[in-house]
N, C-alpha and C. Protein backbone atom coordinates (compact mmCIF):
# COMPACT_ATOMS: atom_id res chain seq x y z
N UNK A 1 54.49 117.69 83.72
CA UNK A 1 54.58 116.93 84.95
C UNK A 1 54.59 115.43 84.66
N UNK A 2 53.85 115.04 83.66
CA UNK A 2 53.78 113.62 83.34
C UNK A 2 55.13 113.10 82.83
N UNK A 3 55.85 113.90 82.06
CA UNK A 3 57.15 113.48 81.57
C UNK A 3 58.13 113.31 82.72
N UNK A 4 58.02 114.15 83.74
CA UNK A 4 58.90 114.05 84.91
C UNK A 4 58.69 112.75 85.66
N UNK A 5 57.45 112.33 85.82
CA UNK A 5 57.16 111.06 86.48
C UNK A 5 57.62 109.88 85.63
N UNK A 6 57.49 110.01 84.33
CA UNK A 6 57.95 108.95 83.44
C UNK A 6 59.46 108.78 83.50
N UNK A 7 60.18 109.88 83.62
CA UNK A 7 61.64 109.80 83.73
C UNK A 7 62.06 109.16 85.04
N UNK A 8 61.39 109.48 86.13
CA UNK A 8 61.72 108.89 87.43
C UNK A 8 61.47 107.38 87.37
N UNK A 9 60.38 106.97 86.78
CA UNK A 9 60.08 105.54 86.65
C UNK A 9 61.16 104.84 85.82
N UNK A 10 61.58 105.48 84.73
CA UNK A 10 62.62 104.89 83.88
C UNK A 10 63.95 104.81 84.63
N UNK A 11 64.29 105.82 85.41
CA UNK A 11 65.53 105.78 86.21
C UNK A 11 65.47 104.66 87.24
N UNK A 12 64.32 104.46 87.84
CA UNK A 12 64.17 103.37 88.82
C UNK A 12 64.38 102.01 88.15
N UNK A 13 63.87 101.84 86.97
CA UNK A 13 64.05 100.57 86.25
C UNK A 13 65.53 100.37 85.91
N UNK A 14 66.20 101.42 85.48
CA UNK A 14 67.63 101.32 85.14
C UNK A 14 68.45 100.99 86.39
N UNK A 15 68.17 101.64 87.50
CA UNK A 15 68.90 101.38 88.75
C UNK A 15 68.65 99.95 89.21
N UNK A 16 67.42 99.49 89.15
CA UNK A 16 67.10 98.12 89.53
C UNK A 16 67.85 97.12 88.65
N UNK A 17 67.89 97.38 87.36
CA UNK A 17 68.61 96.50 86.43
C UNK A 17 70.10 96.46 86.77
N UNK A 18 70.70 97.61 87.06
CA UNK A 18 72.12 97.66 87.41
C UNK A 18 72.41 96.91 88.71
N UNK A 19 71.54 97.07 89.70
CA UNK A 19 71.72 96.36 90.97
C UNK A 19 71.63 94.85 90.75
N UNK A 20 70.67 94.40 89.97
CA UNK A 20 70.54 92.97 89.69
C UNK A 20 71.75 92.44 88.94
N UNK A 21 72.29 93.21 88.03
CA UNK A 21 73.48 92.77 87.29
C UNK A 21 74.69 92.65 88.21
N UNK A 22 74.86 93.60 89.13
CA UNK A 22 75.98 93.54 90.08
C UNK A 22 75.83 92.33 90.99
N UNK A 23 74.63 92.08 91.48
CA UNK A 23 74.39 90.91 92.34
C UNK A 23 74.70 89.63 91.57
N UNK A 24 74.28 89.55 90.33
CA UNK A 24 74.54 88.37 89.51
C UNK A 24 76.04 88.17 89.29
N UNK A 25 76.77 89.23 89.00
CA UNK A 25 78.22 89.12 88.79
C UNK A 25 78.95 88.71 90.06
N UNK A 26 78.59 89.29 91.19
CA UNK A 26 79.23 88.92 92.46
C UNK A 26 78.94 87.46 92.79
N UNK A 27 77.71 87.03 92.59
CA UNK A 27 77.36 85.63 92.84
C UNK A 27 78.12 84.68 91.94
N UNK A 28 78.26 85.02 90.68
CA UNK A 28 78.99 84.18 89.74
C UNK A 28 80.46 84.08 90.10
N UNK A 29 81.07 85.18 90.47
CA UNK A 29 82.49 85.17 90.86
C UNK A 29 82.70 84.35 92.12
N UNK A 30 81.83 84.50 93.11
CA UNK A 30 81.96 83.73 94.35
C UNK A 30 81.74 82.24 94.10
N UNK A 31 80.77 81.91 93.28
CA UNK A 31 80.49 80.51 92.97
C UNK A 31 81.67 79.89 92.22
N UNK A 32 82.28 80.65 91.33
CA UNK A 32 83.45 80.18 90.59
C UNK A 32 84.60 79.91 91.54
N UNK A 33 84.80 80.77 92.53
CA UNK A 33 85.88 80.58 93.49
C UNK A 33 85.64 79.32 94.32
N UNK A 34 84.41 79.05 94.71
CA UNK A 34 84.10 77.85 95.49
C UNK A 34 84.37 76.59 94.67
N UNK A 35 84.02 76.59 93.39
CA UNK A 35 84.31 75.43 92.55
C UNK A 35 85.81 75.27 92.33
N UNK A 36 86.54 76.38 92.24
CA UNK A 36 87.99 76.30 92.10
C UNK A 36 88.62 75.70 93.34
N UNK A 37 88.11 76.07 94.53
CA UNK A 37 88.60 75.49 95.78
C UNK A 37 88.35 73.99 95.79
N UNK A 38 87.14 73.56 95.44
CA UNK A 38 86.82 72.13 95.37
C UNK A 38 87.75 71.41 94.40
N UNK A 39 87.97 71.99 93.25
CA UNK A 39 88.81 71.36 92.24
C UNK A 39 90.25 71.21 92.74
N UNK A 40 90.77 72.21 93.41
CA UNK A 40 92.15 72.14 93.90
C UNK A 40 92.28 71.11 95.02
N UNK A 41 91.28 71.02 95.89
CA UNK A 41 91.32 70.01 96.96
C UNK A 41 91.28 68.61 96.34
N UNK A 42 90.42 68.42 95.36
CA UNK A 42 90.32 67.11 94.70
C UNK A 42 91.62 66.78 93.97
N UNK A 43 92.23 67.77 93.32
CA UNK A 43 93.50 67.52 92.63
C UNK A 43 94.58 67.08 93.62
N UNK A 44 94.63 67.69 94.80
CA UNK A 44 95.63 67.31 95.80
C UNK A 44 95.37 65.90 96.31
N UNK A 45 94.11 65.55 96.54
CA UNK A 45 93.77 64.21 97.03
C UNK A 45 94.13 63.16 95.98
N UNK A 46 93.82 63.43 94.72
CA UNK A 46 94.14 62.48 93.65
C UNK A 46 95.65 62.39 93.41
N UNK A 47 96.34 63.50 93.54
CA UNK A 47 97.79 63.51 93.31
C UNK A 47 98.52 62.63 94.33
N UNK A 48 98.10 62.72 95.60
CA UNK A 48 98.75 61.95 96.66
C UNK A 48 98.00 60.67 97.00
N UNK A 49 97.02 60.32 96.17
CA UNK A 49 96.25 59.08 96.29
C UNK A 49 95.62 58.90 97.66
N UNK A 50 95.04 59.96 98.16
CA UNK A 50 94.34 59.88 99.43
C UNK A 50 94.46 61.18 100.21
N UNK A 51 93.68 61.25 101.27
CA UNK A 51 93.67 62.41 102.15
C UNK A 51 94.69 62.14 103.25
N UNK A 52 95.96 62.46 102.98
CA UNK A 52 97.06 62.15 103.87
C UNK A 52 97.92 63.39 104.11
N UNK A 53 99.05 63.21 104.79
CA UNK A 53 99.92 64.33 105.17
C UNK A 53 100.31 65.26 104.04
N UNK A 54 100.89 64.75 102.96
CA UNK A 54 101.25 65.64 101.85
C UNK A 54 100.03 66.34 101.23
N UNK A 55 98.91 65.64 101.19
CA UNK A 55 97.69 66.25 100.65
C UNK A 55 97.23 67.39 101.54
N UNK A 56 97.28 67.22 102.89
CA UNK A 56 96.88 68.30 103.81
C UNK A 56 97.72 69.53 103.56
N UNK A 57 99.04 69.33 103.46
CA UNK A 57 99.94 70.46 103.28
C UNK A 57 99.65 71.20 101.98
N UNK A 58 99.44 70.45 100.91
CA UNK A 58 99.15 71.10 99.63
C UNK A 58 97.79 71.80 99.67
N UNK A 59 96.81 71.20 100.32
CA UNK A 59 95.49 71.83 100.42
C UNK A 59 95.59 73.15 101.18
N UNK A 60 96.28 73.15 102.33
CA UNK A 60 96.42 74.38 103.10
C UNK A 60 97.17 75.45 102.32
N UNK A 61 98.23 75.06 101.64
CA UNK A 61 99.02 76.01 100.85
C UNK A 61 98.17 76.59 99.71
N UNK A 62 97.42 75.72 99.05
CA UNK A 62 96.59 76.16 97.92
C UNK A 62 95.47 77.07 98.38
N UNK A 63 94.81 76.73 99.49
CA UNK A 63 93.71 77.57 99.97
C UNK A 63 94.21 78.93 100.43
N UNK A 64 95.42 78.99 100.96
CA UNK A 64 95.99 80.28 101.35
C UNK A 64 96.27 81.14 100.12
N UNK A 65 96.75 80.51 99.05
CA UNK A 65 97.06 81.25 97.82
C UNK A 65 95.78 81.74 97.14
N UNK A 66 94.76 80.87 97.08
CA UNK A 66 93.50 81.24 96.43
C UNK A 66 92.77 82.33 97.20
N UNK A 67 92.89 82.31 98.52
CA UNK A 67 92.20 83.30 99.34
C UNK A 67 90.85 82.81 99.83
N UNK A 68 90.76 81.53 100.13
CA UNK A 68 89.52 80.95 100.66
C UNK A 68 89.34 81.47 102.08
N UNK A 69 88.33 82.25 102.32
CA UNK A 69 88.17 82.98 103.58
C UNK A 69 87.37 82.25 104.65
N UNK A 70 86.96 81.03 104.37
CA UNK A 70 86.17 80.28 105.35
C UNK A 70 87.11 79.63 106.35
N UNK A 71 87.42 80.32 107.44
CA UNK A 71 88.35 79.80 108.43
C UNK A 71 87.60 79.42 109.69
N UNK A 72 88.19 78.52 110.47
CA UNK A 72 87.61 78.11 111.73
C UNK A 72 87.01 76.72 111.66
N UNK A 73 86.38 76.33 112.75
CA UNK A 73 85.80 74.98 112.85
C UNK A 73 84.55 74.88 111.98
N UNK A 74 84.30 73.68 111.51
CA UNK A 74 83.13 73.42 110.69
C UNK A 74 82.45 72.16 111.20
N UNK A 75 81.13 72.16 111.16
CA UNK A 75 80.36 70.98 111.54
C UNK A 75 79.94 70.28 110.25
N UNK A 76 80.63 69.19 109.94
CA UNK A 76 80.38 68.48 108.68
C UNK A 76 79.18 67.55 108.80
N UNK A 77 78.22 67.67 107.90
CA UNK A 77 77.08 66.77 107.94
C UNK A 77 77.44 65.39 107.40
N UNK A 78 76.60 64.40 107.73
CA UNK A 78 76.77 63.06 107.18
C UNK A 78 76.34 63.09 105.72
N UNK A 79 77.11 62.43 104.86
CA UNK A 79 76.82 62.46 103.42
C UNK A 79 76.74 61.03 102.91
N UNK A 80 75.62 60.63 102.38
CA UNK A 80 75.40 59.28 101.85
C UNK A 80 75.74 58.21 102.88
N UNK A 81 75.42 58.48 104.14
CA UNK A 81 75.67 57.54 105.22
C UNK A 81 77.10 57.49 105.70
N UNK A 82 77.95 58.41 105.25
CA UNK A 82 79.36 58.43 105.63
C UNK A 82 79.65 59.70 106.40
N UNK A 83 80.37 59.54 107.51
CA UNK A 83 80.78 60.71 108.29
C UNK A 83 82.05 61.29 107.70
N UNK A 84 82.23 62.57 107.87
CA UNK A 84 83.40 63.25 107.31
C UNK A 84 84.66 62.84 108.06
N UNK A 85 85.76 62.80 107.32
CA UNK A 85 87.06 62.57 107.94
C UNK A 85 87.46 63.85 108.67
N UNK A 86 88.34 63.74 109.62
CA UNK A 86 88.76 64.90 110.40
C UNK A 86 89.56 65.86 109.53
N UNK A 87 89.24 67.13 109.64
CA UNK A 87 90.04 68.17 109.00
C UNK A 87 91.21 68.43 109.95
N UNK A 88 92.35 67.85 109.68
CA UNK A 88 93.45 67.80 110.63
C UNK A 88 94.02 69.17 110.97
N UNK A 89 94.11 70.05 110.02
CA UNK A 89 94.69 71.35 110.32
C UNK A 89 93.68 72.27 110.98
N UNK A 90 92.42 72.16 110.60
CA UNK A 90 91.38 73.00 111.18
C UNK A 90 91.46 74.46 110.77
N UNK A 91 92.31 74.77 109.79
CA UNK A 91 92.45 76.16 109.37
C UNK A 91 91.28 76.63 108.50
N UNK A 92 90.80 75.74 107.65
CA UNK A 92 89.78 76.13 106.68
C UNK A 92 88.56 75.24 106.83
N UNK A 93 87.42 75.77 106.42
CA UNK A 93 86.17 75.02 106.53
C UNK A 93 85.90 74.24 105.25
N UNK A 94 86.25 72.98 105.30
CA UNK A 94 85.91 72.05 104.23
C UNK A 94 85.79 70.67 104.85
N UNK A 95 85.03 69.81 104.20
CA UNK A 95 84.80 68.46 104.69
C UNK A 95 85.23 67.47 103.61
N UNK A 96 85.87 66.39 104.03
CA UNK A 96 86.31 65.35 103.11
C UNK A 96 85.69 64.03 103.56
N UNK A 97 85.07 63.33 102.62
CA UNK A 97 84.42 62.05 102.89
C UNK A 97 85.12 60.96 102.07
N UNK A 98 85.35 59.81 102.69
CA UNK A 98 85.94 58.67 101.97
C UNK A 98 84.86 57.63 101.73
N UNK A 99 84.69 57.26 100.47
CA UNK A 99 83.70 56.25 100.08
C UNK A 99 84.43 55.04 99.53
N UNK A 100 84.19 53.88 100.13
CA UNK A 100 84.78 52.64 99.62
C UNK A 100 83.82 52.07 98.58
N UNK A 101 84.31 51.91 97.37
CA UNK A 101 83.50 51.35 96.29
C UNK A 101 83.49 49.84 96.40
N UNK A 102 84.66 49.25 96.55
CA UNK A 102 84.82 47.82 96.81
C UNK A 102 86.19 47.64 97.47
N UNK A 103 86.72 46.42 97.48
CA UNK A 103 88.00 46.17 98.15
C UNK A 103 89.18 46.83 97.44
N UNK A 104 89.04 47.16 96.17
CA UNK A 104 90.17 47.69 95.42
C UNK A 104 90.06 49.18 95.09
N UNK A 105 88.87 49.72 95.13
CA UNK A 105 88.69 51.11 94.72
C UNK A 105 87.98 51.91 95.81
N UNK A 106 88.30 53.18 95.85
CA UNK A 106 87.61 54.11 96.73
C UNK A 106 87.65 55.49 96.08
N UNK A 107 86.84 56.39 96.56
CA UNK A 107 86.91 57.78 96.12
C UNK A 107 86.56 58.70 97.28
N UNK A 108 86.78 59.97 97.08
CA UNK A 108 86.55 60.97 98.12
C UNK A 108 85.52 61.98 97.64
N UNK A 109 84.78 62.51 98.59
CA UNK A 109 83.88 63.61 98.33
C UNK A 109 84.37 64.83 99.09
N UNK A 110 84.24 66.00 98.50
CA UNK A 110 84.71 67.24 99.12
C UNK A 110 83.54 68.22 99.19
N UNK A 111 83.35 68.79 100.37
CA UNK A 111 82.29 69.77 100.60
C UNK A 111 82.92 71.07 101.06
N UNK A 112 82.70 72.13 100.30
CA UNK A 112 83.14 73.47 100.69
C UNK A 112 81.91 74.37 100.74
N UNK A 113 82.11 75.56 101.22
CA UNK A 113 80.99 76.49 101.39
C UNK A 113 81.29 77.82 100.72
N UNK A 114 80.22 78.47 100.31
CA UNK A 114 80.30 79.81 99.76
C UNK A 114 79.38 80.69 100.60
N UNK A 115 79.83 81.87 100.94
CA UNK A 115 79.05 82.79 101.77
C UNK A 115 78.58 83.98 100.96
N UNK A 116 77.36 84.37 101.22
CA UNK A 116 76.82 85.62 100.72
C UNK A 116 76.32 86.39 101.92
N UNK A 117 76.78 87.61 102.09
CA UNK A 117 76.33 88.45 103.19
C UNK A 117 75.35 89.47 102.61
N UNK A 118 74.08 89.13 102.68
CA UNK A 118 73.04 89.96 102.09
C UNK A 118 72.49 90.93 103.14
N UNK A 119 72.21 92.17 102.76
CA UNK A 119 71.74 93.15 103.73
C UNK A 119 70.42 92.78 104.40
N UNK A 120 69.48 92.27 103.66
CA UNK A 120 68.17 91.96 104.21
C UNK A 120 68.13 90.56 104.83
N UNK A 121 68.66 89.57 104.14
CA UNK A 121 68.57 88.18 104.57
C UNK A 121 69.68 87.78 105.54
N UNK A 122 70.74 88.56 105.64
CA UNK A 122 71.87 88.20 106.50
C UNK A 122 72.82 87.27 105.76
N UNK A 123 73.56 86.46 106.54
CA UNK A 123 74.53 85.54 105.91
C UNK A 123 73.82 84.31 105.36
N UNK A 124 74.14 83.99 104.13
CA UNK A 124 73.62 82.80 103.49
C UNK A 124 74.82 81.91 103.15
N UNK A 125 74.79 80.66 103.61
CA UNK A 125 75.88 79.72 103.40
C UNK A 125 75.39 78.61 102.47
N UNK A 126 76.01 78.50 101.30
CA UNK A 126 75.62 77.49 100.32
C UNK A 126 76.72 76.43 100.22
N UNK A 127 76.36 75.14 100.30
CA UNK A 127 77.37 74.09 100.16
C UNK A 127 77.65 73.78 98.69
N UNK A 128 78.92 73.48 98.40
CA UNK A 128 79.36 73.04 97.08
C UNK A 128 80.01 71.68 97.27
N UNK A 129 79.52 70.66 96.57
CA UNK A 129 80.00 69.29 96.77
C UNK A 129 80.49 68.71 95.45
N UNK A 130 81.59 67.99 95.50
CA UNK A 130 82.09 67.27 94.32
C UNK A 130 82.85 66.03 94.77
N UNK A 131 83.08 65.12 93.82
CA UNK A 131 83.74 63.84 94.12
C UNK A 131 84.98 63.66 93.26
N UNK A 132 85.93 62.86 93.78
CA UNK A 132 87.11 62.50 93.01
C UNK A 132 86.79 61.35 92.07
N UNK A 133 87.71 61.08 91.18
CA UNK A 133 87.62 59.86 90.38
C UNK A 133 87.96 58.67 91.27
N UNK A 134 87.75 57.47 90.77
CA UNK A 134 88.10 56.28 91.54
C UNK A 134 89.61 56.21 91.73
N UNK A 135 90.02 55.87 92.94
CA UNK A 135 91.44 55.72 93.26
C UNK A 135 91.67 54.26 93.60
N UNK A 136 92.69 53.68 92.97
CA UNK A 136 93.02 52.28 93.21
C UNK A 136 93.76 52.16 94.53
N UNK A 137 93.35 51.19 95.33
CA UNK A 137 93.97 50.96 96.63
C UNK A 137 95.05 49.89 96.49
N UNK A 138 96.32 50.31 96.49
CA UNK A 138 97.42 49.36 96.34
C UNK A 138 97.62 48.56 97.61
N UNK A 139 97.69 49.24 98.75
CA UNK A 139 97.86 48.55 100.03
C UNK A 139 97.34 49.44 101.14
N UNK A 140 97.03 48.79 102.25
CA UNK A 140 96.58 49.55 103.42
C UNK A 140 97.03 48.87 104.65
């Protein structure tokens, strides 16, 4: 009888370990996708030297290809005393912030979200934030 209880305990430990590994892998994959979305948005902003028409189009096209599932309106928080610029298309939930460094340089911050739908805790939304390199302002 004692060996039977020992086997059940060992099976429980193995099942718990497998569940934790699956949760870790799913979290890592989702986190990687959120950073990839941030990177692609930043690349589009830097390529077109600002958050403008061609950048919006490339961002929307890229997010559709990647499969970023955060659609609908988003309430962007204030970041470092700066309010978010308007998400003109409104298709995806991301926030873009413009920071003026001085009269000649500026950069952008991008905020995206990652969702985890946990059975016990419900939906958990984690923000992922990154910034562009300095962009030279030729004219405005």
